[in-house]
Amino acid sequence: MGNAVIQFTLEAARVNCGYTLAEAAEKFGIHKDTLWNYERDSTNVPRTFMLKTGEIYGIQGKHIFFGIKSEFFRIKETES
């Protein structure tokens, strides 16, 4: 596992910071429904959003999984 990068879903990153959906959405300057959608599928989020995640959640971007949430869990399951 030497070079493995631990990743979090967007939802996990938000929850770990103690933010509600509405609180985090306000920090990003987007509607909470938009953030909810991003948390389920962040495949095509704007680059500005990706850059802000590290600033708002305090996690480097490489540690946040950008893609379809169910795919994240499928990948994690195959790794174990």
C-alpha atoms as a PDB file:
ATOM      1  CA  MET A   1       0.000   0.000   0.000  1.00  0.00           C
ATOM      2  CA  GLY A   2       3.100   2.232   0.089  1.00  0.00           C
ATOM      3  CA  ASN A   3       2.072   4.996  -2.342  1.00  0.00           C
ATOM      4  CA  ALA A   4      -1.683   4.785  -1.816  1.00  0.00           C
ATOM      5  CA  VAL A   5      -3.464   8.103  -1.538  1.00  0.00           C
ATOM      6  CA  ILE A   6      -6.320   8.095   0.946  1.00  0.00           C
ATOM      7  CA  GLN A   7      -9.373   9.627  -0.653  1.00  0.00           C
ATOM      8  CA  PHE A   8     -12.658  10.914   0.684  1.00  0.00           C
ATOM      9  CA  THR A   9     -15.926  11.502  -1.120  1.00  0.00           C
ATOM     10  CA  LEU A  10     -17.093  15.113  -1.202  1.00  0.00           C
ATOM     11  CA  GLU A  11     -19.789  14.216   1.295  1.00  0.00           C
ATOM     12  CA  ALA A  12     -17.295  12.591   3.681  1.00  0.00           C
ATOM     13  CA  ALA A  13     -14.990  15.618   3.430  1.00  0.00           C
ATOM     14  CA  ARG A  14     -17.900  17.923   4.299  1.00  0.00           C
ATOM     15  CA  VAL A  15     -19.144  15.768   7.171  1.00  0.00           C
ATOM     16  CA  ASN A  16     -15.618  15.409   8.595  1.00  0.00           C
ATOM     17  CA  CYS A  17     -15.437  19.215   8.746  1.00  0.00           C
ATOM     18  CA  GLY A  18     -18.724  19.334  10.640  1.00  0.00           C
ATOM     19  CA  TYR A  19     -20.595  21.287   7.955  1.00  0.00           C
ATOM     20  CA  THR A  20     -24.207  20.773   7.060  1.00  0.00           C
ATOM     21  CA  LEU A  21     -25.078  20.730   3.382  1.00  0.00           C
ATOM     22  CA  ALA A  22     -26.431  24.283   3.655  1.00  0.00           C
ATOM     23  CA  GLU A  23     -23.366  25.581   5.532  1.00  0.00           C
ATOM     24  CA  ALA A  24     -20.915  24.115   3.029  1.00  0.00           C
ATOM     25  CA  ALA A  25     -22.966  25.302   0.045  1.00  0.00           C
ATOM     26  CA  GLU A  26     -22.894  28.840   1.441  1.00  0.00           C
ATOM     27  CA  LYS A  27     -19.108  28.682   1.751  1.00  0.00           C
ATOM     28  CA  PHE A  28     -18.863  27.574  -1.891  1.00  0.00           C
ATOM     29  CA  GLY A  29     -21.364  30.211  -2.986  1.00  0.00           C
ATOM     30  CA  ILE A  30     -23.709  27.638  -4.519  1.00  0.00           C
ATOM     31  CA  HIS A  31     -27.196  26.340  -3.748  1.00  0.00           C
ATOM     32  CA  LYS A  32     -27.399  23.375  -1.380  1.00  0.00           C
ATOM     33  CA  ASP A  33     -29.139  21.310  -4.079  1.00  0.00           C
ATOM     34  CA  THR A  34     -26.170  21.919  -6.384  1.00  0.00           C
ATOM     35  CA  LEU A  35     -23.773  20.713  -3.696  1.00  0.00           C
ATOM     36  CA  TRP A  36     -25.997  17.695  -3.048  1.00  0.00           C
ATOM     37  CA  ASN A  37     -25.777  16.850  -6.754  1.00  0.00           C
ATOM     38  CA  TYR A  38     -21.999  17.327  -6.737  1.00  0.00           C
ATOM     39  CA  GLU A  39     -21.724  14.971  -3.761  1.00  0.00           C
ATOM     40  CA  ARG A  40     -23.444  12.244  -5.778  1.00  0.00           C
ATOM     41  CA  ASP A  41     -21.606  12.902  -9.056  1.00  0.00           C
ATOM     42  CA  SER A  42     -18.711  15.341  -9.165  1.00  0.00           C
ATOM     43  CA  THR A  43     -17.459  14.190 -12.557  1.00  0.00           C
ATOM     44  CA  ASN A  44     -18.048  17.554 -14.234  1.00  0.00           C
ATOM     45  CA  VAL A  45     -17.763  20.073 -11.402  1.00  0.00           C
ATOM     46  CA  PRO A  46     -16.256  23.443 -12.337  1.00  0.00           C
ATOM     47  CA  ARG A  47     -12.514  23.766 -11.798  1.00  0.00           C
ATOM     48  CA  THR A  48     -13.100  26.683  -9.428  1.00  0.00           C
ATOM     49  CA  PHE A  49     -15.173  24.363  -7.224  1.00  0.00           C
ATOM     50  CA  MET A  50     -12.419  21.746  -7.227  1.00  0.00           C
ATOM     51  CA  LEU A  51      -9.866  24.337  -6.163  1.00  0.00           C
ATOM     52  CA  LYS A  52     -12.103  25.633  -3.370  1.00  0.00           C
ATOM     53  CA  THR A  53     -12.590  22.187  -1.830  1.00  0.00           C
ATOM     54  CA  GLY A  54      -9.089  22.170  -0.386  1.00  0.00           C
ATOM     55  CA  GLU A  55      -9.533  25.648   1.023  1.00  0.00           C
ATOM     56  CA  ILE A  56     -12.978  25.016   2.524  1.00  0.00           C
ATOM     57  CA  TYR A  57     -12.518  21.434   3.695  1.00  0.00           C
ATOM     58  CA  GLY A  58      -8.837  21.685   4.569  1.00  0.00           C
ATOM     59  CA  ILE A  59      -8.008  18.603   2.483  1.00  0.00           C
ATOM     60  CA  GLN A  60      -5.684  18.593  -0.528  1.00  0.00           C
ATOM     61  CA  GLY A  61      -7.559  18.072  -3.773  1.00  0.00           C
ATOM     62  CA  LYS A  62      -5.746  14.810  -4.481  1.00  0.00           C
ATOM     63  CA  HIS A  63      -7.404  13.388  -1.362  1.00  0.00           C
ATOM     64  CA  ILE A  64     -10.920  14.126  -2.605  1.00  0.00           C
ATOM     65  CA  PHE A  65     -12.519  11.721  -5.044  1.00  0.00           C
ATOM     66  CA  PHE A  66     -14.109  13.522  -7.978  1.00  0.00           C
ATOM     67  CA  GLY A  67     -16.475  11.222  -9.809  1.00  0.00           C
ATOM     68  CA  ILE A  68     -19.628   9.212  -9.238  1.00  0.00           C
ATOM     69  CA  LYS A  69     -20.041   8.399  -5.545  1.00  0.00           C
ATOM     70  CA  SER A  70     -21.167   4.807  -6.180  1.00  0.00           C
ATOM     71  CA  GLU A  71     -18.040   4.276  -8.308  1.00  0.00           C
ATOM     72  CA  PHE A  72     -15.882   5.367  -5.352  1.00  0.00           C
ATOM     73  CA  PHE A  73     -17.377   2.630  -3.202  1.00  0.00           C
ATOM     74  CA  ARG A  74     -17.099   0.059  -5.996  1.00  0.00           C
ATOM     75  CA  ILE A  75     -13.387   0.836  -6.349  1.00  0.00           C
ATOM     76  CA  LYS A  76     -12.835   0.672  -2.581  1.00  0.00           C
ATOM     77  CA  GLU A  77     -14.595  -2.698  -2.447  1.00  0.00           C
ATOM     78  CA  THR A  78     -12.354  -4.176  -5.139  1.00  0.00           C
ATOM     79  CA  GLU A  79      -9.232  -2.872  -3.341  1.00  0.00           C
ATOM     80  CA  SER A  80     -10.013  -4.782  -0.140  1.00  0.00           C
END
